[in-house]
Amino acid sequence: DTGRWLLVALTAAICAGLTLWLARQHHMLGAMALGAIV
């Protein structure tokens, strides 16, 4: 369970960071790429 929740926390942090990056995109391809990943 510890490993599971560490992966949940890591994934959530990565999602949050990528979402911030996505929100500031000024190019369609970058926005679509980050949208697909998020």
PDB file of all heavy atoms in Angstrom:
ATOM      1  N   ASP A   1       0.822  -1.208   0.000  1.00  0.00           N
ATOM      2  CA  ASP A   1       0.000   0.000   0.000  1.00  0.00           C
ATOM      3  C   ASP A   1       0.858   1.261   0.000  1.00  0.00           C
ATOM      4  O   ASP A   1       0.514   2.255  -0.634  1.00  0.00           O
ATOM      5  CB  ASP A   1      -0.943   0.016   1.210  1.00  0.00           C
ATOM      6  CG  ASP A   1      -2.290  -0.601   0.896  1.00  0.00           C
ATOM      7  OD1 ASP A   1      -2.556  -0.886  -0.291  1.00  0.00           O
ATOM      8  OD2 ASP A   1      -3.085  -0.786   1.830  1.00  0.00           O
ATOM      9  N   THR A   2       1.985   1.208   0.685  1.00  0.00           N
ATOM     10  CA  THR A   2       2.884   2.358   0.705  1.00  0.00           C
ATOM     11  C   THR A   2       3.382   2.661  -0.706  1.00  0.00           C
ATOM     12  O   THR A   2       3.356   3.812  -1.153  1.00  0.00           O
ATOM     13  CB  THR A   2       4.083   2.101   1.647  1.00  0.00           C
ATOM     14  OG1 THR A   2       3.587   1.830   2.950  1.00  0.00           O
ATOM     15  CG2 THR A   2       5.025   3.291   1.678  1.00  0.00           C
ATOM     16  N   GLY A   3       3.822   1.635  -1.414  1.00  0.00           N
ATOM     17  CA  GLY A   3       4.284   1.811  -2.788  1.00  0.00           C
ATOM     18  C   GLY A   3       3.182   2.324  -3.699  1.00  0.00           C
ATOM     19  O   GLY A   3       3.404   3.193  -4.539  1.00  0.00           O
ATOM     20  N   ARG A   4       2.007   1.767  -3.521  1.00  0.00           N
ATOM     21  CA  ARG A   4       0.847   2.201  -4.315  1.00  0.00           C
ATOM     22  C   ARG A   4       0.589   3.690  -4.128  1.00  0.00           C
ATOM     23  O   ARG A   4       0.439   4.437  -5.088  1.00  0.00           O
ATOM     24  CB  ARG A   4      -0.381   1.395  -3.901  1.00  0.00           C
ATOM     25  CG  ARG A   4      -1.679   1.956  -4.407  1.00  0.00           C
ATOM     26  CD  ARG A   4      -2.831   1.257  -3.716  1.00  0.00           C
ATOM     27  NE  ARG A   4      -4.108   1.801  -4.080  1.00  0.00           N
ATOM     28  CZ  ARG A   4      -5.228   1.482  -3.491  1.00  0.00           C
ATOM     29  NH1 ARG A   4      -5.241   0.601  -2.513  1.00  0.00           N
ATOM     30  NH2 ARG A   4      -6.364   2.012  -3.863  1.00  0.00           N
ATOM     31  N   TRP A   5       0.519   4.143  -2.872  1.00  0.00           N
ATOM     32  CA  TRP A   5       0.194   5.540  -2.607  1.00  0.00           C
ATOM     33  C   TRP A   5       1.344   6.469  -2.966  1.00  0.00           C
ATOM     34  O   TRP A   5       1.119   7.632  -3.325  1.00  0.00           O
ATOM     35  CB  TRP A   5      -0.293   5.726  -1.174  1.00  0.00           C
ATOM     36  CG  TRP A   5      -1.638   5.074  -1.016  1.00  0.00           C
ATOM     37  CD1 TRP A   5      -1.930   3.956  -0.295  1.00  0.00           C
ATOM     38  CD2 TRP A   5      -2.866   5.472  -1.648  1.00  0.00           C
ATOM     39  NE1 TRP A   5      -3.260   3.629  -0.436  1.00  0.00           N
ATOM     40  CE2 TRP A   5      -3.870   4.550  -1.259  1.00  0.00           C
ATOM     41  CE3 TRP A   5      -3.230   6.503  -2.510  1.00  0.00           C
ATOM     42  CZ2 TRP A   5      -5.193   4.625  -1.701  1.00  0.00           C
ATOM     43  CZ3 TRP A   5      -4.549   6.596  -2.950  1.00  0.00           C
ATOM     44  CH2 TRP A   5      -5.506   5.660  -2.538  1.00  0.00           C
ATOM     45  N   LEU A   6       2.571   5.981  -2.918  1.00  0.00           N
ATOM     46  CA  LEU A   6       3.696   6.781  -3.419  1.00  0.00           C
ATOM     47  C   LEU A   6       3.564   6.995  -4.924  1.00  0.00           C
ATOM     48  O   LEU A   6       3.804   8.100  -5.421  1.00  0.00           O
ATOM     49  CB  LEU A   6       5.031   6.113  -3.086  1.00  0.00           C
ATOM     50  CG  LEU A   6       5.503   6.240  -1.642  1.00  0.00           C
ATOM     51  CD1 LEU A   6       6.754   5.387  -1.403  1.00  0.00           C
ATOM     52  CD2 LEU A   6       5.776   7.701  -1.289  1.00  0.00           C
ATOM     53  N   LEU A   7       3.170   5.941  -5.661  1.00  0.00           N
ATOM     54  CA  LEU A   7       2.952   6.091  -7.107  1.00  0.00           C
ATOM     55  C   LEU A   7       1.767   7.010  -7.393  1.00  0.00           C
ATOM     56  O   LEU A   7       1.800   7.798  -8.340  1.00  0.00           O
ATOM     57  CB  LEU A   7       2.749   4.725  -7.768  1.00  0.00           C
ATOM     58  CG  LEU A   7       4.002   3.902  -8.010  1.00  0.00           C
ATOM     59  CD1 LEU A   7       3.644   2.546  -8.631  1.00  0.00           C
ATOM     60  CD2 LEU A   7       4.985   4.639  -8.896  1.00  0.00           C
ATOM     61  N   VAL A   8       0.721   6.932  -6.575  1.00  0.00           N
ATOM     62  CA  VAL A   8      -0.427   7.835  -6.735  1.00  0.00           C
ATOM     63  C   VAL A   8       0.031   9.278  -6.544  1.00  0.00           C
ATOM     64  O   VAL A   8      -0.289  10.170  -7.340  1.00  0.00           O
ATOM     65  CB  VAL A   8      -1.571   7.480  -5.748  1.00  0.00           C
ATOM     66  CG1 VAL A   8      -2.603   8.588  -5.682  1.00  0.00           C
ATOM     67  CG2 VAL A   8      -2.232   6.164  -6.157  1.00  0.00           C
ATOM     68  N   ALA A   9       0.801   9.526  -5.474  1.00  0.00           N
ATOM     69  CA  ALA A   9       1.277  10.889  -5.193  1.00  0.00           C
ATOM     70  C   ALA A   9       2.205  11.388  -6.294  1.00  0.00           C
ATOM     71  O   ALA A   9       2.087  12.542  -6.744  1.00  0.00           O
ATOM     72  CB  ALA A   9       1.989  10.925  -3.841  1.00  0.00           C
ATOM     73  N   LEU A  10       3.106  10.537  -6.746  1.00  0.00           N
ATOM     74  CA  LEU A  10       4.030  10.919  -7.824  1.00  0.00           C
ATOM     75  C   LEU A  10       3.263  11.236  -9.101  1.00  0.00           C
ATOM     76  O   LEU A  10       3.520  12.253  -9.753  1.00  0.00           O
ATOM     77  CB  LEU A  10       5.048   9.803  -8.070  1.00  0.00           C
ATOM     78  CG  LEU A  10       6.025  10.034  -9.212  1.00  0.00           C
ATOM     79  CD1 LEU A  10       6.922  11.230  -8.921  1.00  0.00           C
ATOM     80  CD2 LEU A  10       6.860   8.779  -9.449  1.00  0.00           C
ATOM     81  N   THR A  11       2.314  10.385  -9.461  1.00  0.00           N
ATOM     82  CA  THR A  11       1.515  10.612 -10.662  1.00  0.00           C
ATOM     83  C   THR A  11       0.690  11.885 -10.553  1.00  0.00           C
ATOM     84  O   THR A  11       0.591  12.655 -11.504  1.00  0.00           O
ATOM     85  CB  THR A  11       0.598   9.400 -10.945  1.00  0.00           C
ATOM     86  OG1 THR A  11       1.396   8.219 -11.013  1.00  0.00           O
ATOM     87  CG2 THR A  11      -0.155   9.568 -12.245  1.00  0.00           C
ATOM     88  N   ALA A  12       0.111  12.126  -9.390  1.00  0.00           N
ATOM     89  CA  ALA A  12      -0.681  13.342  -9.185  1.00  0.00           C
ATOM     90  C   ALA A  12       0.199  14.584  -9.311  1.00  0.00           C
ATOM     91  O   ALA A  12      -0.208  15.584  -9.928  1.00  0.00           O
ATOM     92  CB  ALA A  12      -1.367  13.306  -7.823  1.00  0.00           C
ATOM     93  N   ALA A  13       1.403  14.541  -8.756  1.00  0.00           N
ATOM     94  CA  ALA A  13       2.318  15.678  -8.859  1.00  0.00           C
ATOM     95  C   ALA A  13       2.730  15.924 -10.310  1.00  0.00           C
ATOM     96  O   ALA A  13       2.779  17.076 -10.764  1.00  0.00           O
ATOM     97  CB  ALA A  13       3.544  15.441  -7.982  1.00  0.00           C
ATOM     98  N   ILE A  14       3.011  14.851 -11.030  1.00  0.00           N
ATOM     99  CA  ILE A  14       3.370  14.981 -12.444  1.00  0.00           C
ATOM    100  C   ILE A  14       2.193  15.547 -13.234  1.00  0.00           C
ATOM    101  O   ILE A  14       2.368  16.432 -14.075  1.00  0.00           O
ATOM    102  CB  ILE A  14       3.853  13.631 -13.010  1.00  0.00           C
ATOM    103  CG1 ILE A  14       5.203  13.260 -12.401  1.00  0.00           C
ATOM    104  CG2 ILE A  14       3.926  13.660 -14.528  1.00  0.00           C
ATOM    105  CD1 ILE A  14       5.659  11.844 -12.678  1.00  0.00           C
ATOM    106  N   CYS A  15       0.988  15.048 -12.969  1.00  0.00           N
ATOM    107  CA  CYS A  15      -0.215  15.573 -13.646  1.00  0.00           C
ATOM    108  C   CYS A  15      -0.384  17.064 -13.382  1.00  0.00           C
ATOM    109  O   CYS A  15      -0.694  17.833 -14.295  1.00  0.00           O
ATOM    110  CB  CYS A  15      -1.469  14.839 -13.184  1.00  0.00           C
ATOM    111  SG  CYS A  15      -1.796  13.308 -14.024  1.00  0.00           S
ATOM    112  N   ALA A  16      -0.182  17.474 -12.143  1.00  0.00           N
ATOM    113  CA  ALA A  16      -0.331  18.884 -11.786  1.00  0.00           C
ATOM    114  C   ALA A  16       0.695  19.742 -12.529  1.00  0.00           C
ATOM    115  O   ALA A  16       0.360  20.788 -13.096  1.00  0.00           O
ATOM    116  CB  ALA A  16      -0.197  19.066 -10.280  1.00  0.00           C
ATOM    117  N   GLY A  17       1.940  19.301 -12.528  1.00  0.00           N
ATOM    118  CA  GLY A  17       2.986  20.042 -13.238  1.00  0.00           C
ATOM    119  C   GLY A  17       2.732  20.126 -14.731  1.00  0.00           C
ATOM    120  O   GLY A  17       2.881  21.196 -15.338  1.00  0.00           O
ATOM    121  N   LEU A  18       2.340  19.008 -15.333  1.00  0.00           N
ATOM    122  CA  LEU A  18       2.049  19.003 -16.773  1.00  0.00           C
ATOM    123  C   LEU A  18       0.829  19.857 -17.101  1.00  0.00           C
ATOM    124  O   LEU A  18       0.770  20.490 -18.158  1.00  0.00           O
ATOM    125  CB  LEU A  18       1.854  17.568 -17.271  1.00  0.00           C
ATOM    126  CG  LEU A  18       3.105  16.695 -17.289  1.00  0.00           C
ATOM    127  CD1 LEU A  18       2.748  15.262 -17.677  1.00  0.00           C
ATOM    128  CD2 LEU A  18       4.158  17.257 -18.235  1.00  0.00           C
ATOM    129  N   THR A  19      -0.149  19.886 -16.201  1.00  0.00           N
ATOM    130  CA  THR A  19      -1.341  20.715 -16.417  1.00  0.00           C
ATOM    131  C   THR A  19      -0.967  22.198 -16.398  1.00  0.00           C
ATOM    132  O   THR A  19      -1.477  22.980 -17.215  1.00  0.00           O
ATOM    133  CB  THR A  19      -2.420  20.398 -15.371  1.00  0.00           C
ATOM    134  OG1 THR A  19      -2.775  19.015 -15.494  1.00  0.00           O
ATOM    135  CG2 THR A  19      -3.665  21.253 -15.569  1.00  0.00           C
ATOM    136  N   LEU A  20      -0.076  22.593 -15.495  1.00  0.00           N
ATOM    137  CA  LEU A  20       0.390  23.980 -15.475  1.00  0.00           C
ATOM    138  C   LEU A  20       1.126  24.324 -16.763  1.00  0.00           C
ATOM    139  O   LEU A  20       0.939  25.403 -17.339  1.00  0.00           O
ATOM    140  CB  LEU A  20       1.294  24.226 -14.263  1.00  0.00           C
ATOM    141  CG  LEU A  20       0.604  24.226 -12.911  1.00  0.00           C
ATOM    142  CD1 LEU A  20       1.627  24.325 -11.791  1.00  0.00           C
ATOM    143  CD2 LEU A  20      -0.407  25.364 -12.824  1.00  0.00           C
ATOM    144  N   TRP A  21       1.964  23.419 -17.221  1.00  0.00           N
ATOM    145  CA  TRP A  21       2.689  23.616 -18.473  1.00  0.00           C
ATOM    146  C   TRP A  21       1.694  23.714 -19.631  1.00  0.00           C
ATOM    147  O   TRP A  21       1.799  24.582 -20.491  1.00  0.00           O
ATOM    148  CB  TRP A  21       3.667  22.470 -18.662  1.00  0.00           C
ATOM    149  CG  TRP A  21       4.585  22.547 -19.832  1.00  0.00           C
ATOM    150  CD1 TRP A  21       4.852  23.629 -20.631  1.00  0.00           C
ATOM    151  CD2 TRP A  21       5.390  21.484 -20.346  1.00  0.00           C
ATOM    152  NE1 TRP A  21       5.767  23.291 -21.594  1.00  0.00           N
ATOM    153  CE2 TRP A  21       6.117  21.985 -21.436  1.00  0.00           C
ATOM    154  CE3 TRP A  21       5.562  20.156 -19.972  1.00  0.00           C
ATOM    155  CZ2 TRP A  21       7.002  21.198 -22.176  1.00  0.00           C
ATOM    156  CZ3 TRP A  21       6.440  19.384 -20.702  1.00  0.00           C
ATOM    157  CH2 TRP A  21       7.158  19.893 -21.790  1.00  0.00           C
ATOM    158  N   LEU A  22       0.719  22.824 -19.640  1.00  0.00           N
ATOM    159  CA  LEU A  22      -0.315  22.815 -20.671  1.00  0.00           C
ATOM    160  C   LEU A  22      -1.086  24.131 -20.707  1.00  0.00           C
ATOM    161  O   LEU A  22      -1.346  24.686 -21.778  1.00  0.00           O
ATOM    162  CB  LEU A  22      -1.274  21.644 -20.428  1.00  0.00           C
ATOM    163  CG  LEU A  22      -2.591  21.606 -21.197  1.00  0.00           C
ATOM    164  CD1 LEU A  22      -2.348  21.596 -22.687  1.00  0.00           C
ATOM    165  CD2 LEU A  22      -3.391  20.393 -20.773  1.00  0.00           C
ATOM    166  N   ALA A  23      -1.439  24.654 -19.563  1.00  0.00           N
ATOM    167  CA  ALA A  23      -2.237  25.887 -19.492  1.00  0.00           C
ATOM    168  C   ALA A  23      -1.516  27.081 -20.117  1.00  0.00           C
ATOM    169  O   ALA A  23      -2.160  28.038 -20.541  1.00  0.00           O
ATOM    170  CB  ALA A  23      -2.591  26.188 -18.035  1.00  0.00           C
ATOM    171  N   ARG A  24      -0.201  26.993 -20.218  1.00  0.00           N
ATOM    172  CA  ARG A  24       0.585  28.112 -20.753  1.00  0.00           C
ATOM    173  C   ARG A  24       1.054  27.880 -22.189  1.00  0.00           C
ATOM    174  O   ARG A  24       1.883  28.644 -22.694  1.00  0.00           O
ATOM    175  CB  ARG A  24       1.778  28.355 -19.846  1.00  0.00           C
ATOM    176  CG  ARG A  24       1.360  28.829 -18.470  1.00  0.00           C
ATOM    177  CD  ARG A  24       2.554  29.112 -17.588  1.00  0.00           C
ATOM    178  NE  ARG A  24       2.112  29.687 -16.327  1.00  0.00           N
ATOM    179  CZ  ARG A  24       2.112  29.054 -15.177  1.00  0.00           C
ATOM    180  NH1 ARG A  24       2.536  27.811 -15.113  1.00  0.00           N
ATOM    181  NH2 ARG A  24       1.703  29.640 -14.081  1.00  0.00           N
ATOM    182  N   GLN A  25       0.567  26.850 -22.827  1.00  0.00           N
ATOM    183  CA  GLN A  25       1.003  26.532 -24.190  1.00  0.00           C
ATOM    184  C   GLN A  25       0.549  27.582 -25.185  1.00  0.00           C
ATOM    185  O   GLN A  25      -0.595  28.023 -25.164  1.00  0.00           O
ATOM    186  CB  GLN A  25       0.475  25.159 -24.618  1.00  0.00           C
ATOM    187  CG  GLN A  25       1.282  24.016 -24.106  1.00  0.00           C
ATOM    188  CD  GLN A  25       2.699  24.049 -24.599  1.00  0.00           C
ATOM    189  OE1 GLN A  25       2.974  24.012 -25.796  1.00  0.00           O
ATOM    190  NE2 GLN A  25       3.633  24.133 -23.665  1.00  0.00           N
ATOM    191  N   HIS A  26       1.446  27.924 -26.093  1.00  0.00           N
ATOM    192  CA  HIS A  26       1.147  28.908 -27.135  1.00  0.00           C
ATOM    193  C   HIS A  26       1.193  28.275 -28.527  1.00  0.00           C
ATOM    194  O   HIS A  26       1.204  28.996 -29.528  1.00  0.00           O
ATOM    195  CB  HIS A  26       2.127  30.074 -27.053  1.00  0.00           C
ATOM    196  CG  HIS A  26       2.004  30.834 -25.779  1.00  0.00           C
ATOM    197  ND1 HIS A  26       0.930  31.641 -25.500  1.00  0.00           N
ATOM    198  CD2 HIS A  26       2.799  30.871 -24.685  1.00  0.00           C
ATOM    199  CE1 HIS A  26       1.077  32.170 -24.305  1.00  0.00           C
ATOM    200  NE2 HIS A  26       2.187  31.706 -23.782  1.00  0.00           N
ATOM    201  N   HIS A  27       1.231  26.939 -28.576  1.00  0.00           N
ATOM    202  CA  HIS A  27       1.266  26.223 -29.847  1.00  0.00           C
ATOM    203  C   HIS A  27       0.340  25.019 -29.761  1.00  0.00           C
ATOM    204  O   HIS A  27       0.330  24.317 -28.754  1.00  0.00           O
ATOM    205  CB  HIS A  27       2.691  25.776 -30.171  1.00  0.00           C
ATOM    206  CG  HIS A  27       3.641  26.929 -30.225  1.00  0.00           C
ATOM    207  ND1 HIS A  27       3.722  27.779 -31.296  1.00  0.00           N
ATOM    208  CD2 HIS A  27       4.513  27.399 -29.303  1.00  0.00           C
ATOM    209  CE1 HIS A  27       4.611  28.719 -31.044  1.00  0.00           C
ATOM    210  NE2 HIS A  27       5.101  28.508 -29.839  1.00  0.00           N
ATOM    211  N   MET A  28      -0.405  24.821 -30.812  1.00  0.00           N
ATOM    212  CA  MET A  28      -1.413  23.758 -30.820  1.00  0.00           C
ATOM    213  C   MET A  28      -0.797  22.380 -30.616  1.00  0.00           C
ATOM    214  O   MET A  28      -1.306  21.590 -29.833  1.00  0.00           O
ATOM    215  CB  MET A  28      -2.211  23.789 -32.130  1.00  0.00           C
ATOM    216  CG  MET A  28      -3.317  22.757 -32.166  1.00  0.00           C
ATOM    217  SD  MET A  28      -4.555  22.981 -30.878  1.00  0.00           S
ATOM    218  CE  MET A  28      -5.659  24.089 -31.722  1.00  0.00           C
ATOM    219  N   LEU A  29       0.299  22.082 -31.295  1.00  0.00           N
ATOM    220  CA  LEU A  29       0.885  20.744 -31.181  1.00  0.00           C
ATOM    221  C   LEU A  29       1.334  20.458 -29.749  1.00  0.00           C
ATOM    222  O   LEU A  29       1.068  19.383 -29.209  1.00  0.00           O
ATOM    223  CB  LEU A  29       2.056  20.573 -32.151  1.00  0.00           C
ATOM    224  CG  LEU A  29       2.678  19.175 -32.187  1.00  0.00           C
ATOM    225  CD1 LEU A  29       1.642  18.119 -32.566  1.00  0.00           C
ATOM    226  CD2 LEU A  29       3.850  19.146 -33.159  1.00  0.00           C
ATOM    227  N   GLY A  30       1.978  21.419 -29.114  1.00  0.00           N
ATOM    228  CA  GLY A  30       2.402  21.236 -27.724  1.00  0.00           C
ATOM    229  C   GLY A  30       1.219  21.045 -26.797  1.00  0.00           C
ATOM    230  O   GLY A  30       1.252  20.214 -25.892  1.00  0.00           O
ATOM    231  N   ALA A  31       0.158  21.812 -27.032  1.00  0.00           N
ATOM    232  CA  ALA A  31      -1.038  21.691 -26.192  1.00  0.00           C
ATOM    233  C   ALA A  31      -1.703  20.329 -26.371  1.00  0.00           C
ATOM    234  O   ALA A  31      -2.142  19.712 -25.398  1.00  0.00           O
ATOM    235  CB  ALA A  31      -2.022  22.814 -26.516  1.00  0.00           C
ATOM    236  N   MET A  32      -1.783  19.854 -27.611  1.00  0.00           N
ATOM    237  CA  MET A  32      -2.399  18.548 -27.857  1.00  0.00           C
ATOM    238  C   MET A  32      -1.536  17.433 -27.264  1.00  0.00           C
ATOM    239  O   MET A  32      -2.053  16.474 -26.688  1.00  0.00           O
ATOM    240  CB  MET A  32      -2.615  18.307 -29.360  1.00  0.00           C
ATOM    241  CG  MET A  32      -3.603  19.259 -30.001  1.00  0.00           C
ATOM    242  SD  MET A  32      -5.280  19.112 -29.325  1.00  0.00           S
ATOM    243  CE  MET A  32      -5.354  20.527 -28.245  1.00  0.00           C
ATOM    244  N   ALA A  33      -0.222  17.557 -27.394  1.00  0.00           N
ATOM    245  CA  ALA A  33       0.687  16.556 -26.830  1.00  0.00           C
ATOM    246  C   ALA A  33       0.521  16.477 -25.316  1.00  0.00           C
ATOM    247  O   ALA A  33       0.342  15.389 -24.751  1.00  0.00           O
ATOM    248  CB  ALA A  33       2.134  16.900 -27.193  1.00  0.00           C
ATOM    249  N   LEU A  34       0.562  17.623 -24.659  1.00  0.00           N
ATOM    250  CA  LEU A  34       0.419  17.634 -23.209  1.00  0.00           C
ATOM    251  C   LEU A  34      -0.985  17.217 -22.773  1.00  0.00           C
ATOM    252  O   LEU A  34      -1.146  16.536 -21.760  1.00  0.00           O
ATOM    253  CB  LEU A  34       0.765  19.023 -22.659  1.00  0.00           C
ATOM    254  CG  LEU A  34       2.252  19.363 -22.717  1.00  0.00           C
ATOM    255  CD1 LEU A  34       2.480  20.848 -22.466  1.00  0.00           C
ATOM    256  CD2 LEU A  34       3.043  18.517 -21.733  1.00  0.00           C
ATOM    257  N   GLY A  35      -1.996  17.590 -23.546  1.00  0.00           N
ATOM    258  CA  GLY A  35      -3.361  17.160 -23.244  1.00  0.00           C
ATOM    259  C   GLY A  35      -3.490  15.647 -23.285  1.00  0.00           C
ATOM    260  O   GLY A  35      -4.142  15.042 -22.422  1.00  0.00           O
ATOM    261  N   ALA A  36      -2.856  15.019 -24.280  1.00  0.00           N
ATOM    262  CA  ALA A  36      -2.897  13.559 -24.390  1.00  0.00           C
ATOM    263  C   ALA A  36      -2.197  12.907 -23.191  1.00  0.00           C
ATOM    264  O   ALA A  36      -2.693  11.932 -22.625  1.00  0.00           O
ATOM    265  CB  ALA A  36      -2.254  13.108 -25.698  1.00  0.00           C
ATOM    266  N   ILE A  37      -1.052  13.467 -22.794  1.00  0.00           N
ATOM    267  CA  ILE A  37      -0.318  12.907 -21.665  1.00  0.00           C
ATOM    268  C   ILE A  37      -1.101  13.083 -20.361  1.00  0.00           C
ATOM    269  O   ILE A  37      -1.249  12.134 -19.578  1.00  0.00           O
ATOM    270  CB  ILE A  37       1.084  13.549 -21.549  1.00  0.00           C
ATOM    271  CG1 ILE A  37       1.927  13.187 -22.777  1.00  0.00           C
ATOM    272  CG2 ILE A  37       1.784  13.109 -20.265  1.00  0.00           C
ATOM    273  CD1 ILE A  37       3.215  13.995 -22.909  1.00  0.00           C
ATOM    274  N   VAL A  38      -1.615  14.280 -20.140  1.00  0.00           N
ATOM    275  CA  VAL A  38      -2.356  14.550 -18.900  1.00  0.00           C
ATOM    276  C   VAL A  38      -3.624  13.692 -18.831  1.00  0.00           C
ATOM    277  O   VAL A  38      -3.937  13.114 -17.783  1.00  0.00           O
ATOM    278  CB  VAL A  38      -2.690  16.054 -18.777  1.00  0.00           C
ATOM    279  CG1 VAL A  38      -3.699  16.319 -17.670  1.00  0.00           C
ATOM    280  CG2 VAL A  38      -1.421  16.862 -18.538  1.00  0.00           C
TER     281      VAL A  38
END
